[in-house]
């Protein structure tokens, strides 16, 4: 039976499919389907509008109309099901599907021939995606991980990134100058609360705009009330390690 109540309405002409409203809805009522945000079920939407503040295009609004009543028990079951399968991200883009990349076994890797005359080497990346904004705190590859947090430019500057830094670590990349600092801190706080992170290495360039990344990670740690061993790396513009602490 439907009742007259408040509920979220999505203007698909304004929606760009960014997915920010999805993460802003604690009830899981919104999903990105065919590149647009949609209310997946009326019974999941409480009509309070917490997701509206996350929308950068103004595509969401609260309307009053006849709708199925909000069902808190159904929401709990819905959220439990979502937690079991964190294999895709809110924006719906195929390139953001969570992947754990296959690696050869330790035995097979040890028996691979060494190429002393060639600088070529295999990628040691173990997962996808790598951008901080795109990695959900519940991603399976974060469990018990050693994190490598890279300011974006370090990947271009450091010549032996895969050989010396990435192997055995979960990579998270971002730019503390152009991205949302508070969003980053909250993301790291969620990860530190839930993933059992073992250690963190933060690598930045010598330029001022990079200096905020270690502080962001530490703020997330403080917000989560966790103490995780952290190592800081400072690179020159030519990729030389200037400082380790």
Protein backbone atom coordinates (compact mmCIF):
# COMPACT_ATOMS: atom_id res chain seq x y z
CA UNK A 1 0.00 0.00 0.00
CA UNK A 2 1.36 3.41 -0.94
CA UNK A 3 1.24 6.47 1.25
CA UNK A 4 1.85 10.18 0.71
CA UNK A 5 5.40 10.89 1.88
CA UNK A 6 8.69 12.56 1.03
CA UNK A 7 11.09 10.75 -1.28
CA UNK A 8 14.14 11.52 -3.46
CA UNK A 9 13.63 12.35 -7.13
CA UNK A 10 16.47 12.30 -9.69
CA UNK A 11 16.55 14.70 -12.64
CA UNK A 12 18.34 12.51 -15.19
CA UNK A 13 18.97 15.48 -17.49
CA UNK A 14 21.18 17.01 -14.77
CA UNK A 15 22.72 13.77 -13.50
CA UNK A 16 26.22 13.07 -14.84
CA UNK A 17 26.61 9.67 -13.19
CA UNK A 18 29.43 10.73 -10.85
CA UNK A 19 28.18 8.40 -8.08
CA UNK A 20 28.73 10.80 -5.17
CA UNK A 21 25.09 10.52 -4.13
CA UNK A 22 25.45 6.74 -3.92
CA UNK A 23 28.11 6.99 -1.25
CA UNK A 24 26.09 9.73 0.47
CA UNK A 25 23.05 7.48 0.94
CA UNK A 26 23.44 5.35 4.07
CA UNK A 27 20.43 3.22 3.10
CA UNK A 28 21.80 2.15 -0.29
CA UNK A 29 18.68 3.46 -2.04
CA UNK A 30 20.63 4.96 -4.95
CA UNK A 31 22.65 3.19 -7.62
CA UNK A 32 24.19 4.21 -10.93
CA UNK A 33 22.32 2.38 -13.70
CA UNK A 34 23.10 3.05 -17.35
CA UNK A 35 25.16 6.07 -16.34
CA UNK A 36 22.44 7.77 -14.25
CA UNK A 37 21.56 7.76 -10.54
CA UNK A 38 18.32 5.92 -9.83
CA UNK A 39 16.28 5.04 -6.73
CA UNK A 40 16.51 1.24 -6.82
CA UNK A 41 13.53 0.77 -4.52
CA UNK A 42 11.14 3.21 -2.84
CA UNK A 43 11.23 1.20 0.40
CA UNK A 44 14.98 1.93 0.78
CA UNK A 45 14.61 5.72 0.60
CA UNK A 46 13.80 7.47 3.90
CA UNK A 47 13.24 10.84 2.16
CA UNK A 48 15.57 12.76 4.49
CA UNK A 49 17.80 13.89 1.62
CA UNK A 50 21.30 13.26 3.01
CA UNK A 51 22.39 12.43 -0.55
CA UNK A 52 21.44 15.88 -1.88
CA UNK A 53 24.49 17.55 -0.37
CA UNK A 54 26.74 15.14 -2.25
CA UNK A 55 25.33 16.01 -5.70
CA UNK A 56 27.51 18.51 -7.60
CA UNK A 57 24.98 19.10 -10.40
CA UNK A 58 21.76 19.68 -8.42
CA UNK A 59 20.14 16.58 -9.93
CA UNK A 60 18.50 15.48 -6.67
CA UNK A 61 15.54 16.94 -4.81
CA UNK A 62 12.98 15.88 -2.23
CA UNK A 63 9.42 15.60 -3.51
CA UNK A 64 6.20 14.60 -1.79
CA UNK A 65 4.23 11.94 -3.63
CA UNK A 66 2.59 8.56 -3.16
CA UNK A 67 5.23 5.90 -2.56
CA UNK A 68 5.73 2.62 -0.74
CA UNK A 69 6.55 3.16 2.96
CA UNK A 70 10.18 3.24 4.07
CA UNK A 71 11.15 -0.22 5.38
CA UNK A 72 14.07 -0.20 7.83
CA UNK A 73 14.30 -4.01 8.01
CA UNK A 74 14.44 -4.27 4.23
CA UNK A 75 17.24 -1.69 4.23
CA UNK A 76 19.27 -3.78 6.70
CA UNK A 77 18.98 -6.85 4.47
CA UNK A 78 19.79 -4.78 1.39
CA UNK A 79 22.94 -3.31 2.99
CA UNK A 80 24.06 -6.74 4.23
CA UNK A 81 23.83 -8.04 0.66
CA UNK A 82 25.82 -5.09 -0.66
CA UNK A 83 28.62 -5.72 1.84
CA UNK A 84 29.02 -9.30 0.63
CA UNK A 85 29.74 -8.25 -2.94
CA UNK A 86 31.86 -5.06 -3.09
CA UNK A 87 32.99 -5.81 -6.65
CA UNK A 88 31.93 -2.61 -8.44
CA UNK A 89 32.04 1.06 -7.61
CA UNK A 90 29.24 3.65 -7.50
CA UNK A 91 30.05 5.48 -10.72
CA UNK A 92 29.20 2.44 -12.84
CA UNK A 93 32.12 2.91 -15.24
CA UNK A 94 33.54 -0.48 -16.40
CA UNK A 95 37.08 0.74 -15.73
CA UNK A 96 36.32 1.07 -12.00
CA UNK A 97 35.32 -2.54 -11.38
CA UNK A 98 37.30 -3.86 -8.42
CA UNK A 99 39.87 -6.39 -9.56
CA UNK A 100 42.55 -8.41 -7.83
CA UNK A 101 45.16 -8.99 -10.51
CA UNK A 102 46.71 -12.41 -10.91
CA UNK A 103 50.36 -12.77 -9.97
CA UNK A 104 52.62 -15.81 -10.47
CA UNK A 105 53.27 -17.97 -7.42
CA UNK A 106 56.44 -17.35 -5.42
CA UNK A 107 57.94 -20.55 -6.84
CA UNK A 108 57.11 -19.65 -10.44
CA UNK A 109 58.41 -16.13 -9.95
CA UNK A 110 61.68 -17.39 -8.51
CA UNK A 111 62.20 -19.65 -11.53
CA UNK A 112 61.63 -16.95 -14.13
CA UNK A 113 64.80 -16.13 -16.10
CA UNK A 114 66.47 -12.84 -15.23
CA UNK A 115 67.01 -10.35 -18.06
CA UNK A 116 70.23 -8.63 -17.19
CA UNK A 117 70.54 -6.81 -20.53
CA UNK A 118 67.04 -5.37 -20.63
CA UNK A 119 65.45 -2.79 -18.32
CA UNK A 120 62.01 -4.30 -18.97
CA UNK A 121 60.15 -5.84 -16.04
CA UNK A 122 56.67 -7.12 -15.29
CA UNK A 123 54.12 -4.96 -13.54
CA UNK A 124 53.85 -5.71 -9.81
CA UNK A 125 50.45 -4.03 -9.45
CA UNK A 126 48.12 -6.38 -7.56
CA UNK A 127 44.73 -4.68 -7.86
CA UNK A 128 42.46 -2.17 -9.60
CA UNK A 129 41.46 0.67 -9.27
CA UNK A 130 44.32 2.71 -7.79
CA UNK A 131 42.85 6.22 -7.43
CA UNK A 132 42.00 7.11 -3.81
CA UNK A 133 38.60 8.50 -4.86
CA UNK A 134 37.63 5.24 -6.57
CA UNK A 135 38.70 2.68 -3.96
CA UNK A 136 35.90 1.82 -1.51
CA UNK A 137 36.89 1.17 2.09
CA UNK A 138 35.42 -2.33 1.77
CA UNK A 139 37.59 -3.38 -1.19
CA UNK A 140 38.83 -6.92 -0.47
CA UNK A 141 42.42 -6.14 -1.41
CA UNK A 142 42.66 -3.64 1.49
CA UNK A 143 42.26 -6.31 4.18
CA UNK A 144 45.48 -6.57 6.19
CA UNK A 145 47.36 -4.62 3.51
CA UNK A 146 50.57 -2.66 3.48
CA UNK A 147 49.50 0.61 1.83
CA UNK A 148 51.59 2.62 -0.61
CA UNK A 149 50.04 6.10 -0.89
CA UNK A 150 51.48 7.98 -3.87
CA UNK A 151 51.08 11.60 -4.80
CA UNK A 152 50.28 11.28 -8.52
CA UNK A 153 53.50 12.82 -9.83
CA UNK A 154 55.74 10.33 -8.03
CA UNK A 155 54.72 7.58 -10.43
CA UNK A 156 56.16 9.58 -13.32
CA UNK A 157 59.32 10.71 -11.51
CA UNK A 158 60.51 7.52 -9.80
CA UNK A 159 62.21 5.26 -12.40
CA UNK A 160 61.97 1.92 -10.56
CA UNK A 161 58.57 2.31 -8.93
CA UNK A 162 57.39 -1.26 -9.52
CA UNK A 163 60.66 -2.92 -8.57
CA UNK A 164 61.36 -0.90 -5.42
CA UNK A 165 57.99 0.23 -4.05
CA UNK A 166 54.85 -1.40 -5.45
CA UNK A 167 55.60 -5.10 -5.03
CA UNK A 168 53.69 -6.50 -2.05
CA UNK A 169 51.77 -3.28 -1.43
CA UNK A 170 48.31 -1.92 -2.18
CA UNK A 171 48.64 1.31 -4.16
CA UNK A 172 46.44 4.36 -3.59
CA UNK A 173 47.13 7.44 -5.73
CA UNK A 174 45.84 11.00 -5.65
CA UNK A 175 46.70 14.68 -5.76
CA UNK A 176 46.45 16.64 -2.47
CA UNK A 177 46.33 19.91 -4.42
CA UNK A 178 43.47 19.27 -6.85
CA UNK A 179 41.35 16.72 -5.00
CA UNK A 180 39.13 17.08 -1.91
CA UNK A 181 41.38 16.90 1.17
CA UNK A 182 38.53 16.25 3.61
CA UNK A 183 37.12 13.52 1.38
CA UNK A 184 40.55 11.87 1.35
CA UNK A 185 40.87 12.05 5.13
CA UNK A 186 37.43 10.50 5.60
CA UNK A 187 38.25 7.75 3.09
CA UNK A 188 41.45 6.87 4.94
CA UNK A 189 39.60 6.99 8.28
CA UNK A 190 37.08 4.43 6.97
CA UNK A 191 39.90 2.23 5.72
CA UNK A 192 41.85 2.39 8.98
CA UNK A 193 38.69 1.59 10.96
CA UNK A 194 37.75 -1.50 8.98
CA UNK A 195 40.62 -2.96 6.95
CA UNK A 196 43.26 -3.83 9.55
CA UNK A 197 46.01 -1.99 7.67
CA UNK A 198 49.49 -3.21 8.70
CA UNK A 199 51.65 -0.31 7.49
CA UNK A 200 51.60 2.81 5.31
CA UNK A 201 54.27 4.27 3.04
CA UNK A 202 53.56 7.77 1.72
CA UNK A 203 55.60 9.06 -1.23
CA UNK A 204 55.52 12.71 -2.34
CA UNK A 205 57.49 15.13 -4.48
CA UNK A 206 59.60 18.01 -3.14
CA UNK A 207 57.08 20.59 -4.41
CA UNK A 208 54.85 22.35 -1.81
CA UNK A 209 51.52 21.04 -3.14
CA UNK A 210 52.58 17.45 -2.36
CA UNK A 211 53.37 18.10 1.27
CA UNK A 212 49.76 17.70 2.38
CA UNK A 213 49.50 13.97 1.58
CA UNK A 214 51.24 12.64 4.72
CA UNK A 215 49.13 14.99 6.86
CA UNK A 216 45.94 13.72 5.18
CA UNK A 217 46.84 10.10 5.89
CA UNK A 218 47.72 10.92 9.51
CA UNK A 219 44.45 12.84 9.94
CA UNK A 220 42.53 9.81 8.70
CA UNK A 221 44.42 7.66 11.18
CA UNK A 222 43.56 10.06 14.02
CA UNK A 223 39.89 10.17 12.97
CA UNK A 224 39.81 6.37 13.10
CA UNK A 225 41.60 6.25 16.45
CA UNK A 226 44.25 3.92 15.02
CA UNK A 227 48.04 3.85 15.21
CA UNK A 228 49.61 2.31 12.11
CA UNK A 229 53.35 2.40 11.31
CA UNK A 230 53.93 5.09 8.68
CA UNK A 231 56.98 5.78 6.50
CA UNK A 232 57.43 8.98 4.48
CA UNK A 233 59.42 9.26 1.23
CA UNK A 234 60.40 12.56 -0.41
CA UNK A 235 61.45 12.63 -4.07
CA UNK A 236 63.24 15.26 -6.13
CA UNK A 237 61.79 16.35 -9.47
CA UNK A 238 64.22 13.95 -11.15
CA UNK A 239 63.07 11.01 -9.03
CA UNK A 240 65.91 10.87 -6.52
CA UNK A 241 64.97 9.88 -2.98
CA UNK A 242 65.87 12.95 -0.92
CA UNK A 243 64.56 11.85 2.46
CA UNK A 244 63.06 8.85 4.21
CA UNK A 245 61.53 8.98 7.67
